[in-house]
Amino acid sequence: MPSTQRYSQTIRVLLQTMGIKMDIGRPGHLENYYRKVIRKDHNEISLDADMIRLLIAIDENKSLYQIAAEVEMEDVTLKKNLSKLLEQGLIEPVKKDLPVLDKIFLQALKINLSKTIGPMAEILIEEVVSDMELSAPEIPVHQAAELITTLSHEVPDEKKRIEFKKSMMDILNKKRT
């Protein structure tokens, strides 16, 4: 298993044990961010080398996925050190609002896929969205290309597959500008 996948699984398990339902197994997926906290008390803290390395890597602009890949710690070590930093009040979670795809884009997706593969399009979209551990009204914009690509793999005819991808990417690019 590539190291990035191993660290992604580590983070996923860590978040689940902390009661946070997020999947950071893929870059760009719903991600958890942390920031360093300046403690107001002057109580003594104890940090080992791994905790210091993790603390140095934490930045509210880096997802936990990115940090895990950067520090390359073993699963157990990363989980233990993140928990310790949280317990000592040295870091805190940061909520980031991610822009989501609008209903117009989702409708265009259904229409274009229906033209390509027929009436099974809606069911296929639901399955792919579920496999990506998302919900249809809350698909992050940054995952639209992944969604389009995954759906295009279900189009058996290569010419139609290319047309579907191109039309949806054109719509997506118009939304971004």
C-alpha atoms as a PDB file:
ATOM      1  CA  MET A   1       0.000   0.000   0.000  1.00  0.00           C
ATOM      2  CA  PRO A   2       1.459   3.418  -0.903  1.00  0.00           C
ATOM      3  CA  SER A   3       2.400   5.526   2.112  1.00  0.00           C
ATOM      4  CA  THR A   4      -0.148   8.259   1.302  1.00  0.00           C
ATOM      5  CA  GLN A   5      -2.982   5.719   1.419  1.00  0.00           C
ATOM      6  CA  ARG A   6      -1.678   4.313   4.716  1.00  0.00           C
ATOM      7  CA  TYR A   7      -1.628   7.786   6.281  1.00  0.00           C
ATOM      8  CA  SER A   8      -5.087   8.528   4.868  1.00  0.00           C
ATOM      9  CA  GLN A   9      -6.433   5.419   6.541  1.00  0.00           C
ATOM     10  CA  THR A  10      -4.747   6.458   9.764  1.00  0.00           C
ATOM     11  CA  ILE A  11      -6.418   9.832   9.734  1.00  0.00           C
ATOM     12  CA  ARG A  12      -9.807   8.326   8.868  1.00  0.00           C
ATOM     13  CA  VAL A  13      -9.569   5.956  11.849  1.00  0.00           C
ATOM     14  CA  LEU A  14      -8.342   8.744  14.098  1.00  0.00           C
ATOM     15  CA  LEU A  15     -11.249  10.998  13.207  1.00  0.00           C
ATOM     16  CA  GLN A  16     -13.728   8.162  13.718  1.00  0.00           C
ATOM     17  CA  THR A  17     -12.342   7.470  17.193  1.00  0.00           C
ATOM     18  CA  MET A  18     -12.698  11.168  17.978  1.00  0.00           C
ATOM     19  CA  GLY A  19     -16.329  11.060  16.830  1.00  0.00           C
ATOM     20  CA  ILE A  20     -15.711  13.135  13.710  1.00  0.00           C
ATOM     21  CA  LYS A  21     -17.389  11.734  10.621  1.00  0.00           C
ATOM     22  CA  MET A  22     -15.138  12.804   7.783  1.00  0.00           C
ATOM     23  CA  ASP A  23     -13.252  11.065   5.067  1.00  0.00           C
ATOM     24  CA  ILE A  24      -9.884  12.465   4.248  1.00  0.00           C
ATOM     25  CA  GLY A  25      -8.741   9.440   2.320  1.00  0.00           C
ATOM     26  CA  ARG A  26      -8.520  11.470  -0.857  1.00  0.00           C
ATOM     27  CA  PRO A  27      -6.967  14.878  -1.281  1.00  0.00           C
ATOM     28  CA  GLY A  28      -9.654  17.434  -1.710  1.00  0.00           C
ATOM     29  CA  HIS A  29     -12.318  15.510   0.102  1.00  0.00           C
ATOM     30  CA  LEU A  30     -14.049  16.968   3.151  1.00  0.00           C
ATOM     31  CA  GLU A  31     -11.076  17.775   5.257  1.00  0.00           C
ATOM     32  CA  ASN A  32     -10.301  18.561   8.838  1.00  0.00           C
ATOM     33  CA  TYR A  33      -8.062  21.480   9.687  1.00  0.00           C
ATOM     34  CA  TYR A  34      -6.298  22.349  12.921  1.00  0.00           C
ATOM     35  CA  ARG A  35      -4.545  25.415  14.217  1.00  0.00           C
ATOM     36  CA  LYS A  36      -2.087  26.010  17.005  1.00  0.00           C
ATOM     37  CA  VAL A  37      -3.433  27.579  20.173  1.00  0.00           C
ATOM     38  CA  ILE A  38      -1.604  29.879  22.559  1.00  0.00           C
ATOM     39  CA  ARG A  39      -2.470  28.708  26.021  1.00  0.00           C
ATOM     40  CA  LYS A  40      -3.302  31.357  28.597  1.00  0.00           C
ATOM     41  CA  ASP A  41      -2.209  29.295  31.548  1.00  0.00           C
ATOM     42  CA  HIS A  42       1.404  28.718  32.413  1.00  0.00           C
ATOM     43  CA  ASN A  43       1.033  25.050  33.283  1.00  0.00           C
ATOM     44  CA  GLU A  44       3.877  22.796  32.357  1.00  0.00           C
ATOM     45  CA  ILE A  45       3.496  20.645  29.260  1.00  0.00           C
ATOM     46  CA  SER A  46       5.460  17.668  28.068  1.00  0.00           C
ATOM     47  CA  LEU A  47       6.266  17.123  24.396  1.00  0.00           C
ATOM     48  CA  ASP A  48       8.280  14.373  22.787  1.00  0.00           C
ATOM     49  CA  ALA A  49      10.021  14.685  19.419  1.00  0.00           C
ATOM     50  CA  ASP A  50       7.065  13.291  17.438  1.00  0.00           C
ATOM     51  CA  MET A  51       4.638  15.678  19.117  1.00  0.00           C
ATOM     52  CA  ILE A  52       6.921  18.602  18.320  1.00  0.00           C
ATOM     53  CA  ARG A  53       7.246  17.468  14.702  1.00  0.00           C
ATOM     54  CA  LEU A  54       3.454  17.210  14.392  1.00  0.00           C
ATOM     55  CA  LEU A  55       2.893  20.539  16.131  1.00  0.00           C
ATOM     56  CA  ILE A  56       5.345  22.258  13.785  1.00  0.00           C
ATOM     57  CA  ALA A  57       3.523  20.832  10.741  1.00  0.00           C
ATOM     58  CA  ILE A  58       0.063  21.941  11.906  1.00  0.00           C
ATOM     59  CA  ASP A  59      -1.183  24.966  10.034  1.00  0.00           C
ATOM     60  CA  GLU A  60      -4.820  25.995   9.667  1.00  0.00           C
ATOM     61  CA  ASN A  61      -4.296  26.168   5.907  1.00  0.00           C
ATOM     62  CA  LYS A  62      -3.174  22.526   5.709  1.00  0.00           C
ATOM     63  CA  SER A  63      -5.662  19.716   5.957  1.00  0.00           C
ATOM     64  CA  LEU A  64      -5.021  16.820   8.273  1.00  0.00           C
ATOM     65  CA  TYR A  65      -4.551  14.748   5.129  1.00  0.00           C
ATOM     66  CA  GLN A  66      -1.702  17.046   4.019  1.00  0.00           C
ATOM     67  CA  ILE A  67      -0.134  17.072   7.470  1.00  0.00           C
ATOM     68  CA  ALA A  68      -0.253  13.265   7.699  1.00  0.00           C
ATOM     69  CA  ALA A  69       1.533  12.965   4.368  1.00  0.00           C
ATOM     70  CA  GLU A  70       4.096  15.574   5.425  1.00  0.00           C
ATOM     71  CA  VAL A  71       5.092  14.108   8.800  1.00  0.00           C
ATOM     72  CA  GLU A  72       4.996  10.451   7.670  1.00  0.00           C
ATOM     73  CA  MET A  73       4.294   9.013  11.099  1.00  0.00           C
ATOM     74  CA  GLU A  74       3.078   5.496  11.739  1.00  0.00           C
ATOM     75  CA  ASP A  75      -0.664   5.171  12.295  1.00  0.00           C
ATOM     76  CA  VAL A  76      -0.538   4.651  16.037  1.00  0.00           C
ATOM     77  CA  THR A  77       2.021   7.409  16.581  1.00  0.00           C
ATOM     78  CA  LEU A  78       0.056   9.994  14.618  1.00  0.00           C
ATOM     79  CA  LYS A  79      -3.173   9.154  16.427  1.00  0.00           C
ATOM     80  CA  LYS A  80      -1.500   9.257  19.841  1.00  0.00           C
ATOM     81  CA  ASN A  81       0.298  12.547  19.196  1.00  0.00           C
ATOM     82  CA  LEU A  82      -2.710  14.329  17.723  1.00  0.00           C
ATOM     83  CA  SER A  83      -4.792  13.249  20.719  1.00  0.00           C
ATOM     84  CA  LYS A  84      -2.110  14.466  23.143  1.00  0.00           C
ATOM     85  CA  LEU A  85      -1.851  17.845  21.428  1.00  0.00           C
ATOM     86  CA  LEU A  86      -5.637  18.213  21.577  1.00  0.00           C
ATOM     87  CA  GLU A  87      -5.765  17.147  25.242  1.00  0.00           C
ATOM     88  CA  GLN A  88      -3.039  19.625  26.204  1.00  0.00           C
ATOM     89  CA  GLY A  89      -4.899  22.413  24.445  1.00  0.00           C
ATOM     90  CA  LEU A  90      -2.055  23.121  22.026  1.00  0.00           C
ATOM     91  CA  ILE A  91      -4.222  22.710  18.918  1.00  0.00           C
ATOM     92  CA  GLU A  92      -7.898  23.041  18.082  1.00  0.00           C
ATOM     93  CA  PRO A  93     -10.062  22.016  15.138  1.00  0.00           C
ATOM     94  CA  VAL A  94     -10.942  24.667  12.572  1.00  0.00           C
ATOM     95  CA  LYS A  95     -14.170  24.483  10.584  1.00  0.00           C
ATOM     96  CA  LYS A  96     -13.837  25.502   6.949  1.00  0.00           C
ATOM     97  CA  ASP A  97     -16.896  26.132   4.836  1.00  0.00           C
ATOM     98  CA  LEU A  98     -16.467  24.556   1.451  1.00  0.00           C
ATOM     99  CA  PRO A  99     -18.476  25.798  -1.549  1.00  0.00           C
ATOM    100  CA  VAL A 100     -20.881  23.172  -2.865  1.00  0.00           C
ATOM    101  CA  LEU A 101     -22.325  22.438  -6.287  1.00  0.00           C
ATOM    102  CA  ASP A 102     -25.637  24.136  -6.955  1.00  0.00           C
ATOM    103  CA  LYS A 103     -28.871  22.459  -8.096  1.00  0.00           C
ATOM    104  CA  ILE A 104     -28.390  23.738 -11.655  1.00  0.00           C
ATOM    105  CA  PHE A 105     -25.085  21.876 -11.987  1.00  0.00           C
ATOM    106  CA  LEU A 106     -26.560  18.692 -10.525  1.00  0.00           C
ATOM    107  CA  GLN A 107     -29.522  18.935 -12.919  1.00  0.00           C
ATOM    108  CA  ALA A 108     -27.132  19.428 -15.857  1.00  0.00           C
ATOM    109  CA  LEU A 109     -25.197  16.384 -14.675  1.00  0.00           C
ATOM    110  CA  LYS A 110     -28.358  14.248 -14.670  1.00  0.00           C
ATOM    111  CA  ILE A 111     -29.466  15.525 -18.078  1.00  0.00           C
ATOM    112  CA  ASN A 112     -26.089  15.019 -19.743  1.00  0.00           C
ATOM    113  CA  LEU A 113     -25.582  11.575 -18.264  1.00  0.00           C
ATOM    114  CA  SER A 114     -29.161  10.581 -19.221  1.00  0.00           C
ATOM    115  CA  LYS A 115     -28.469  11.597 -22.813  1.00  0.00           C
ATOM    116  CA  THR A 116     -25.365   9.421 -22.716  1.00  0.00           C
ATOM    117  CA  ILE A 117     -26.492   6.256 -20.927  1.00  0.00           C
ATOM    118  CA  GLY A 118     -30.255   6.557 -20.592  1.00  0.00           C
ATOM    119  CA  PRO A 119     -32.620   6.284 -17.627  1.00  0.00           C
ATOM    120  CA  MET A 120     -30.090   4.614 -15.326  1.00  0.00           C
ATOM    121  CA  ALA A 121     -28.232   7.927 -15.008  1.00  0.00           C
ATOM    122  CA  GLU A 122     -29.972   9.098 -11.861  1.00  0.00           C
ATOM    123  CA  ILE A 123     -29.385   5.802 -10.055  1.00  0.00           C
ATOM    124  CA  LEU A 124     -25.756   5.783 -11.151  1.00  0.00           C
ATOM    125  CA  ILE A 125     -25.229   9.330  -9.874  1.00  0.00           C
ATOM    126  CA  GLU A 126     -26.726   8.376  -6.505  1.00  0.00           C
ATOM    127  CA  GLU A 127     -24.435   5.335  -6.274  1.00  0.00           C
ATOM    128  CA  VAL A 128     -21.279   7.254  -7.189  1.00  0.00           C
ATOM    129  CA  VAL A 129     -22.118  10.090  -4.794  1.00  0.00           C
ATOM    130  CA  SER A 130     -22.714   7.509  -2.048  1.00  0.00           C
ATOM    131  CA  ASP A 131     -19.441   5.709  -2.876  1.00  0.00           C
ATOM    132  CA  MET A 132     -17.651   9.041  -2.539  1.00  0.00           C
ATOM    133  CA  GLU A 133     -19.310   9.358   0.894  1.00  0.00           C
ATOM    134  CA  LEU A 134     -21.101  12.558  -0.086  1.00  0.00           C
ATOM    135  CA  SER A 135     -24.709  13.666  -0.227  1.00  0.00           C
ATOM    136  CA  ALA A 136     -26.196  15.093  -3.419  1.00  0.00           C
ATOM    137  CA  PRO A 137     -27.113  18.555  -2.142  1.00  0.00           C
ATOM    138  CA  GLU A 138     -23.707  19.018  -0.484  1.00  0.00           C
ATOM    139  CA  ILE A 139     -21.092  17.971  -3.037  1.00  0.00           C
ATOM    140  CA  PRO A 140     -18.028  20.208  -2.660  1.00  0.00           C
ATOM    141  CA  VAL A 141     -17.111  22.105  -5.824  1.00  0.00           C
ATOM    142  CA  HIS A 142     -13.536  20.870  -5.642  1.00  0.00           C
ATOM    143  CA  GLN A 143     -14.801  17.278  -6.030  1.00  0.00           C
ATOM    144  CA  ALA A 144     -16.893  17.919  -9.131  1.00  0.00           C
ATOM    145  CA  ALA A 145     -14.131  16.857 -11.534  1.00  0.00           C
ATOM    146  CA  GLU A 146     -13.671  13.598  -9.615  1.00  0.00           C
ATOM    147  CA  LEU A 147     -17.424  12.990  -9.750  1.00  0.00           C
ATOM    148  CA  ILE A 148     -17.539  13.665 -13.504  1.00  0.00           C
ATOM    149  CA  THR A 149     -14.553  11.402 -14.157  1.00  0.00           C
ATOM    150  CA  THR A 150     -15.955   8.579 -12.040  1.00  0.00           C
ATOM    151  CA  LEU A 151     -19.324   8.790 -13.786  1.00  0.00           C
ATOM    152  CA  SER A 152     -17.647   8.879 -17.199  1.00  0.00           C
ATOM    153  CA  HIS A 153     -16.044   5.486 -16.498  1.00  0.00           C
ATOM    154  CA  GLU A 154     -19.553   4.035 -16.571  1.00  0.00           C
ATOM    155  CA  VAL A 155     -20.121   5.177 -20.166  1.00  0.00           C
ATOM    156  CA  PRO A 156     -19.249   2.193 -22.389  1.00  0.00           C
ATOM    157  CA  ASP A 157     -18.901   4.103 -25.660  1.00  0.00           C
ATOM    158  CA  GLU A 158     -15.593   6.000 -25.761  1.00  0.00           C
ATOM    159  CA  LYS A 159     -16.879   8.786 -28.004  1.00  0.00           C
ATOM    160  CA  LYS A 160     -19.910   9.380 -25.761  1.00  0.00           C
ATOM    161  CA  ARG A 161     -17.667   9.221 -22.680  1.00  0.00           C
ATOM    162  CA  ILE A 162     -15.446  11.966 -24.064  1.00  0.00           C
ATOM    163  CA  GLU A 163     -18.452  14.092 -25.060  1.00  0.00           C
ATOM    164  CA  PHE A 164     -19.973  13.704 -21.588  1.00  0.00           C
ATOM    165  CA  LYS A 165     -16.743  14.666 -19.829  1.00  0.00           C
ATOM    166  CA  LYS A 166     -16.153  17.627 -22.119  1.00  0.00           C
ATOM    167  CA  SER A 167     -19.678  19.009 -21.762  1.00  0.00           C
ATOM    168  CA  MET A 168     -19.649  18.653 -17.975  1.00  0.00           C
ATOM    169  CA  MET A 169     -16.178  20.115 -17.609  1.00  0.00           C
ATOM    170  CA  ASP A 170     -17.252  23.089 -19.749  1.00  0.00           C
ATOM    171  CA  ILE A 171     -20.223  23.630 -17.410  1.00  0.00           C
ATOM    172  CA  LEU A 172     -17.987  23.247 -14.360  1.00  0.00           C
ATOM    173  CA  ASN A 173     -15.433  25.720 -15.700  1.00  0.00           C
ATOM    174  CA  LYS A 174     -18.194  28.271 -16.370  1.00  0.00           C
ATOM    175  CA  LYS A 175     -19.351  27.867 -12.756  1.00  0.00           C
ATOM    176  CA  ARG A 176     -15.852  28.525 -11.450  1.00  0.00           C
ATOM    177  CA  THR A 177     -15.426  31.766 -13.373  1.00  0.00           C
END
